[in-house]
Each structure stands twice: as structure tokens, then as C-alpha cells.
Amino acid sequence: MNGAIFPHTSVGKWSIILIALFLAMYVPFLLLNQFDTIFHSTLWSDNTANMLRLSYMTTFSVLGLGAFVTGWWAILKQKEYAVLVFFAAVLSSGLVMLLVMELVGIFE
């Protein structure tokens, strides 16, 4: 283990970028939930808020799955042992577990 903080491989860098985008998009998603109470009066606003929420959730799922695959690929196949890659892999593993639990709950 080399103890580097930043990754050296391109796959490791992609895992960091994907998890950083996920975290950067989380704040606007929380703000969108706060605006949901403001836009409760008209049908147009409700549909707009629901479509924005759906697009954010789809984007979160794609970013989480992408960070999961690229992070573990970098660790297992390319022997990338940077600290941020481990952080991205562990955090995205939790996100994938939440996604799987959500999908299991939908199908029950």
C-alpha cells in the first residue's frame, strides 16, 4: 500500500469524480425538498417538482453505481490503493446497498 491520497489511474480518478458529483448534487436535492412546500398550490408546480425529483434520483443512482463499479475496479483490478478511492468505494457501496433495499421494497 503506497499511502497516496489521490489516485494515479484514470479509473481511480473517475471514481473520485463520480462520488464528488454525487455529493455536490445532494445539496440542491435537499433544497428541492424544501421548495416542495412552497410549490404545493398548482398542478404545474407539483408536476415540475416531481419530475425534478425523479431526474435527481435517477442521476443519483447512476452516479452511485458508476462510483461503485469504477472504485472497486480500480482497487481490485488495477491495484489502486489511494485513500480517496477507498472512500469512494466504501461510500458508493453503501449507496448501492440503499438502492438495492429500495428496489426490494418496491417489488414486495
N, C-alpha and C. Protein backbone atom coordinates (compact mmCIF):
# COMPACT_ATOMS: atom_id res chain seq x y z
N MET A 1 0.84 -1.18 0.00
CA MET A 1 0.00 0.00 0.00
C MET A 1 0.89 1.23 0.00
N ASN A 2 0.65 2.13 -0.94
CA ASN A 2 1.54 3.27 -1.08
C ASN A 2 1.13 4.46 -0.22
N GLY A 3 -0.08 4.51 0.31
CA GLY A 3 -0.49 5.58 1.20
C GLY A 3 -0.78 6.90 0.52
N ALA A 4 -0.92 6.90 -0.79
CA ALA A 4 -1.22 8.15 -1.51
C ALA A 4 -2.67 8.56 -1.24
N ILE A 5 -2.90 9.84 -1.29
CA ILE A 5 -4.26 10.34 -1.09
C ILE A 5 -5.01 10.36 -2.41
N PHE A 6 -4.37 10.83 -3.47
CA PHE A 6 -5.00 10.94 -4.79
C PHE A 6 -4.64 9.74 -5.65
N PRO A 7 -5.57 9.30 -6.50
CA PRO A 7 -5.30 8.13 -7.34
C PRO A 7 -4.38 8.46 -8.51
N HIS A 8 -3.72 7.42 -9.02
CA HIS A 8 -2.83 7.57 -10.16
C HIS A 8 -3.44 7.04 -11.46
N THR A 9 -4.39 6.11 -11.35
CA THR A 9 -5.00 5.54 -12.55
C THR A 9 -6.22 6.36 -12.96
N SER A 10 -6.58 6.25 -14.23
CA SER A 10 -7.73 7.01 -14.72
C SER A 10 -9.04 6.47 -14.14
N VAL A 11 -9.13 5.17 -13.91
CA VAL A 11 -10.34 4.61 -13.32
C VAL A 11 -10.50 5.09 -11.89
N GLY A 12 -9.43 5.17 -11.15
CA GLY A 12 -9.48 5.71 -9.80
C GLY A 12 -9.91 7.17 -9.77
N LYS A 13 -9.42 7.93 -10.73
CA LYS A 13 -9.82 9.34 -10.82
C LYS A 13 -11.31 9.46 -11.16
N TRP A 14 -11.80 8.58 -12.02
CA TRP A 14 -13.22 8.61 -12.36
C TRP A 14 -14.08 8.28 -11.15
N SER A 15 -13.66 7.37 -10.32
CA SER A 15 -14.45 7.05 -9.13
C SER A 15 -14.54 8.25 -8.20
N ILE A 16 -13.45 9.00 -8.08
CA ILE A 16 -13.46 10.21 -7.24
C ILE A 16 -14.37 11.27 -7.85
N ILE A 17 -14.32 11.44 -9.15
CA ILE A 17 -15.16 12.44 -9.82
C ILE A 17 -16.63 12.09 -9.66
N LEU A 18 -16.98 10.82 -9.84
CA LEU A 18 -18.38 10.42 -9.75
C LEU A 18 -18.93 10.59 -8.34
N ILE A 19 -18.16 10.22 -7.33
CA ILE A 19 -18.66 10.37 -5.96
C ILE A 19 -18.69 11.84 -5.56
N ALA A 20 -17.77 12.66 -6.09
CA ALA A 20 -17.79 14.10 -5.80
C ALA A 20 -19.03 14.75 -6.44
N LEU A 21 -19.37 14.33 -7.66
CA LEU A 21 -20.59 14.84 -8.30
C LEU A 21 -21.83 14.43 -7.51
N PHE A 22 -21.83 13.21 -7.02
CA PHE A 22 -22.96 12.76 -6.19
C PHE A 22 -23.11 13.66 -4.97
N LEU A 23 -22.02 13.90 -4.27
CA LEU A 23 -22.08 14.72 -3.06
C LEU A 23 -22.43 16.17 -3.38
N ALA A 24 -21.94 16.68 -4.52
CA ALA A 24 -22.24 18.06 -4.90
C ALA A 24 -23.70 18.24 -5.30
N MET A 25 -24.33 17.19 -5.81
CA MET A 25 -25.74 17.29 -6.19
C MET A 25 -26.69 17.05 -5.03
N TYR A 26 -26.18 16.58 -3.91
CA TYR A 26 -27.04 16.27 -2.78
C TYR A 26 -27.64 17.53 -2.15
N VAL A 27 -26.90 18.61 -2.10
CA VAL A 27 -27.39 19.85 -1.50
C VAL A 27 -28.56 20.44 -2.30
N PRO A 28 -28.46 20.55 -3.64
CA PRO A 28 -29.64 21.05 -4.37
C PRO A 28 -30.85 20.14 -4.23
N PHE A 29 -30.64 18.84 -4.09
CA PHE A 29 -31.77 17.94 -3.89
C PHE A 29 -32.47 18.22 -2.56
N LEU A 30 -31.69 18.49 -1.52
CA LEU A 30 -32.30 18.85 -0.24
C LEU A 30 -33.06 20.16 -0.33
N LEU A 31 -32.50 21.11 -1.09
CA LEU A 31 -33.20 22.38 -1.28
C LEU A 31 -34.49 22.20 -2.07
N LEU A 32 -34.48 21.28 -3.03
CA LEU A 32 -35.68 21.00 -3.80
C LEU A 32 -36.78 20.45 -2.89
N ASN A 33 -36.43 19.62 -1.94
CA ASN A 33 -37.42 19.12 -1.00
C ASN A 33 -37.97 20.24 -0.11
N GLN A 34 -37.16 21.26 0.19
CA GLN A 34 -37.65 22.39 0.96
C GLN A 34 -38.62 23.23 0.14
N PHE A 35 -38.37 23.34 -1.17
CA PHE A 35 -39.25 24.12 -2.04
C PHE A 35 -40.55 23.39 -2.35
N ASP A 36 -40.64 22.13 -2.04
CA ASP A 36 -41.84 21.36 -2.31
C ASP A 36 -43.04 21.93 -1.57
N THR A 37 -42.84 22.44 -0.37
CA THR A 37 -43.95 23.02 0.37
C THR A 37 -44.39 24.35 -0.23
N ILE A 38 -43.48 25.07 -0.86
CA ILE A 38 -43.84 26.34 -1.48
C ILE A 38 -44.65 26.12 -2.74
N PHE A 39 -44.30 25.10 -3.53
CA PHE A 39 -44.95 24.85 -4.81
C PHE A 39 -46.12 23.87 -4.69
N HIS A 40 -46.85 23.94 -3.62
CA HIS A 40 -47.91 22.97 -3.40
C HIS A 40 -49.27 23.46 -3.90
N SER A 41 -49.35 24.65 -4.47
CA SER A 41 -50.65 25.22 -4.78
C SER A 41 -51.17 24.84 -6.16
N THR A 42 -50.32 24.66 -7.16
CA THR A 42 -50.82 24.41 -8.51
C THR A 42 -50.36 23.06 -9.03
N LEU A 43 -51.10 22.54 -9.99
CA LEU A 43 -50.78 21.25 -10.58
C LEU A 43 -49.47 21.33 -11.36
N TRP A 44 -49.22 22.42 -12.08
CA TRP A 44 -47.99 22.57 -12.85
C TRP A 44 -46.77 22.49 -11.95
N SER A 45 -46.83 23.17 -10.84
CA SER A 45 -45.68 23.18 -9.93
C SER A 45 -45.46 21.82 -9.30
N ASP A 46 -46.53 21.12 -8.97
CA ASP A 46 -46.38 19.78 -8.40
C ASP A 46 -45.73 18.84 -9.40
N ASN A 47 -46.18 18.89 -10.66
CA ASN A 47 -45.58 18.04 -11.68
C ASN A 47 -44.12 18.39 -11.92
N THR A 48 -43.80 19.67 -11.92
CA THR A 48 -42.42 20.09 -12.12
C THR A 48 -41.54 19.61 -10.99
N ALA A 49 -42.01 19.76 -9.77
CA ALA A 49 -41.22 19.31 -8.61
C ALA A 49 -41.03 17.80 -8.64
N ASN A 50 -42.07 17.06 -9.02
CA ASN A 50 -41.95 15.61 -9.09
C ASN A 50 -40.99 15.18 -10.20
N MET A 51 -41.02 15.84 -11.34
CA MET A 51 -40.10 15.50 -12.42
C MET A 51 -38.66 15.83 -12.06
N LEU A 52 -38.45 16.96 -11.40
CA LEU A 52 -37.10 17.29 -10.94
C LEU A 52 -36.61 16.29 -9.91
N ARG A 53 -37.48 15.87 -9.01
CA ARG A 53 -37.10 14.89 -8.00
C ARG A 53 -36.75 13.56 -8.66
N LEU A 54 -37.55 13.15 -9.65
CA LEU A 54 -37.28 11.90 -10.35
C LEU A 54 -35.97 11.96 -11.12
N SER A 55 -35.69 13.09 -11.77
CA SER A 55 -34.44 13.21 -12.51
C SER A 55 -33.24 13.21 -11.56
N TYR A 56 -33.38 13.86 -10.40
CA TYR A 56 -32.30 13.82 -9.42
C TYR A 56 -32.06 12.41 -8.90
N MET A 57 -33.11 11.68 -8.61
CA MET A 57 -32.95 10.32 -8.09
C MET A 57 -32.32 9.40 -9.12
N THR A 58 -32.69 9.57 -10.38
CA THR A 58 -32.08 8.77 -11.45
C THR A 58 -30.60 9.10 -11.58
N THR A 59 -30.28 10.38 -11.53
CA THR A 59 -28.89 10.79 -11.61
C THR A 59 -28.10 10.29 -10.41
N PHE A 60 -28.69 10.35 -9.22
CA PHE A 60 -28.02 9.81 -8.03
C PHE A 60 -27.72 8.33 -8.19
N SER A 61 -28.68 7.59 -8.72
CA SER A 61 -28.48 6.15 -8.90
C SER A 61 -27.35 5.87 -9.87
N VAL A 62 -27.32 6.59 -10.98
CA VAL A 62 -26.28 6.38 -11.98
C VAL A 62 -24.91 6.76 -11.43
N LEU A 63 -24.82 7.89 -10.74
CA LEU A 63 -23.54 8.31 -10.17
C LEU A 63 -23.07 7.34 -9.09
N GLY A 64 -23.98 6.87 -8.25
CA GLY A 64 -23.60 5.92 -7.21
C GLY A 64 -23.13 4.59 -7.78
N LEU A 65 -23.86 4.07 -8.77
CA LEU A 65 -23.45 2.82 -9.40
C LEU A 65 -22.14 2.97 -10.15
N GLY A 66 -21.96 4.10 -10.82
CA GLY A 66 -20.71 4.35 -11.54
C GLY A 66 -19.52 4.44 -10.60
N ALA A 67 -19.70 5.14 -9.48
CA ALA A 67 -18.62 5.23 -8.50
C ALA A 67 -18.32 3.88 -7.87
N PHE A 68 -19.35 3.08 -7.66
CA PHE A 68 -19.18 1.74 -7.10
C PHE A 68 -18.35 0.87 -8.04
N VAL A 69 -18.74 0.83 -9.30
CA VAL A 69 -18.05 -0.03 -10.27
C VAL A 69 -16.62 0.44 -10.50
N THR A 70 -16.44 1.74 -10.75
CA THR A 70 -15.09 2.23 -11.04
C THR A 70 -14.19 2.18 -9.81
N GLY A 71 -14.74 2.44 -8.62
CA GLY A 71 -13.92 2.39 -7.41
C GLY A 71 -13.42 0.98 -7.12
N TRP A 72 -14.32 0.01 -7.16
CA TRP A 72 -13.88 -1.36 -6.88
C TRP A 72 -13.05 -1.93 -8.02
N TRP A 73 -13.30 -1.50 -9.24
CA TRP A 73 -12.46 -1.93 -10.37
C TRP A 73 -11.03 -1.43 -10.17
N ALA A 74 -10.91 -0.17 -9.76
CA ALA A 74 -9.58 0.41 -9.53
C ALA A 74 -8.86 -0.31 -8.39
N ILE A 75 -9.58 -0.65 -7.34
CA ILE A 75 -8.94 -1.31 -6.20
C ILE A 75 -8.56 -2.75 -6.52
N LEU A 76 -9.49 -3.50 -7.09
CA LEU A 76 -9.27 -4.93 -7.28
C LEU A 76 -8.45 -5.27 -8.52
N LYS A 77 -8.70 -4.60 -9.63
CA LYS A 77 -8.03 -4.98 -10.88
C LYS A 77 -6.78 -4.16 -11.17
N GLN A 78 -6.81 -2.87 -10.82
CA GLN A 78 -5.67 -2.03 -11.15
C GLN A 78 -4.78 -1.73 -9.94
N LYS A 79 -5.09 -2.32 -8.81
CA LYS A 79 -4.28 -2.19 -7.59
C LYS A 79 -4.07 -0.74 -7.19
N GLU A 80 -5.15 0.04 -7.25
CA GLU A 80 -5.11 1.45 -6.85
C GLU A 80 -5.46 1.52 -5.37
N TYR A 81 -4.52 1.93 -4.54
CA TYR A 81 -4.72 1.95 -3.10
C TYR A 81 -4.73 3.36 -2.52
N ALA A 82 -5.20 4.32 -3.29
CA ALA A 82 -5.29 5.68 -2.79
C ALA A 82 -6.44 5.81 -1.79
N VAL A 83 -6.28 6.68 -0.84
CA VAL A 83 -7.25 6.84 0.23
C VAL A 83 -8.60 7.30 -0.32
N LEU A 84 -8.59 8.24 -1.25
CA LEU A 84 -9.85 8.74 -1.80
C LEU A 84 -10.59 7.69 -2.62
N VAL A 85 -9.87 6.76 -3.22
CA VAL A 85 -10.54 5.68 -3.95
C VAL A 85 -11.22 4.74 -2.96
N PHE A 86 -10.57 4.45 -1.85
CA PHE A 86 -11.22 3.65 -0.82
C PHE A 86 -12.46 4.35 -0.27
N PHE A 87 -12.36 5.66 -0.05
CA PHE A 87 -13.51 6.44 0.41
C PHE A 87 -14.65 6.35 -0.59
N ALA A 88 -14.35 6.53 -1.87
CA ALA A 88 -15.38 6.48 -2.90
C ALA A 88 -16.00 5.09 -3.00
N ALA A 89 -15.18 4.05 -2.88
CA ALA A 89 -15.69 2.68 -2.98
C ALA A 89 -16.59 2.33 -1.79
N VAL A 90 -16.18 2.72 -0.60
CA VAL A 90 -16.98 2.39 0.59
C VAL A 90 -18.28 3.19 0.59
N LEU A 91 -18.21 4.47 0.29
CA LEU A 91 -19.41 5.30 0.27
C LEU A 91 -20.38 4.83 -0.81
N SER A 92 -19.86 4.53 -1.98
CA SER A 92 -20.75 4.07 -3.05
C SER A 92 -21.29 2.67 -2.77
N SER A 93 -20.57 1.85 -2.01
CA SER A 93 -21.10 0.54 -1.61
C SER A 93 -22.33 0.72 -0.73
N GLY A 94 -22.28 1.69 0.16
CA GLY A 94 -23.45 2.00 0.97
C GLY A 94 -24.61 2.50 0.13
N LEU A 95 -24.30 3.31 -0.87
CA LEU A 95 -25.35 3.80 -1.76
C LEU A 95 -25.98 2.67 -2.57
N VAL A 96 -25.16 1.74 -3.02
CA VAL A 96 -25.69 0.60 -3.77
C VAL A 96 -26.56 -0.27 -2.86
N MET A 97 -26.16 -0.44 -1.60
CA MET A 97 -26.99 -1.19 -0.67
C MET A 97 -28.34 -0.51 -0.46
N LEU A 98 -28.35 0.81 -0.33
CA LEU A 98 -29.61 1.53 -0.19
C LEU A 98 -30.47 1.40 -1.44
N LEU A 99 -29.84 1.45 -2.60
CA LEU A 99 -30.58 1.30 -3.85
C LEU A 99 -31.20 -0.09 -3.95
N VAL A 100 -30.45 -1.12 -3.59
CA VAL A 100 -30.97 -2.48 -3.63
C VAL A 100 -32.12 -2.64 -2.64
N MET A 101 -31.98 -2.09 -1.43
CA MET A 101 -33.07 -2.17 -0.46
C MET A 101 -34.31 -1.44 -0.94
N GLU A 102 -34.12 -0.32 -1.62
CA GLU A 102 -35.26 0.43 -2.18
C GLU A 102 -35.95 -0.39 -3.26
N LEU A 103 -35.18 -1.02 -4.12
CA LEU A 103 -35.78 -1.83 -5.19
C LEU A 103 -36.47 -3.06 -4.64
N VAL A 104 -35.91 -3.68 -3.61
CA VAL A 104 -36.58 -4.82 -2.98
C VAL A 104 -37.89 -4.39 -2.34
N GLY A 105 -37.90 -3.21 -1.74
CA GLY A 105 -39.12 -2.69 -1.14
C GLY A 105 -40.19 -2.38 -2.16
N ILE A 106 -39.80 -1.98 -3.36
CA ILE A 106 -40.77 -1.69 -4.41
C ILE A 106 -41.42 -2.98 -4.90
N PHE A 107 -40.63 -4.03 -5.02
CA PHE A 107 -41.13 -5.28 -5.58
C PHE A 107 -41.90 -6.14 -4.59
N GLU A 108 -41.90 -5.77 -3.31
CA GLU A 108 -42.64 -6.57 -2.33
C GLU A 108 -44.10 -6.21 -2.31
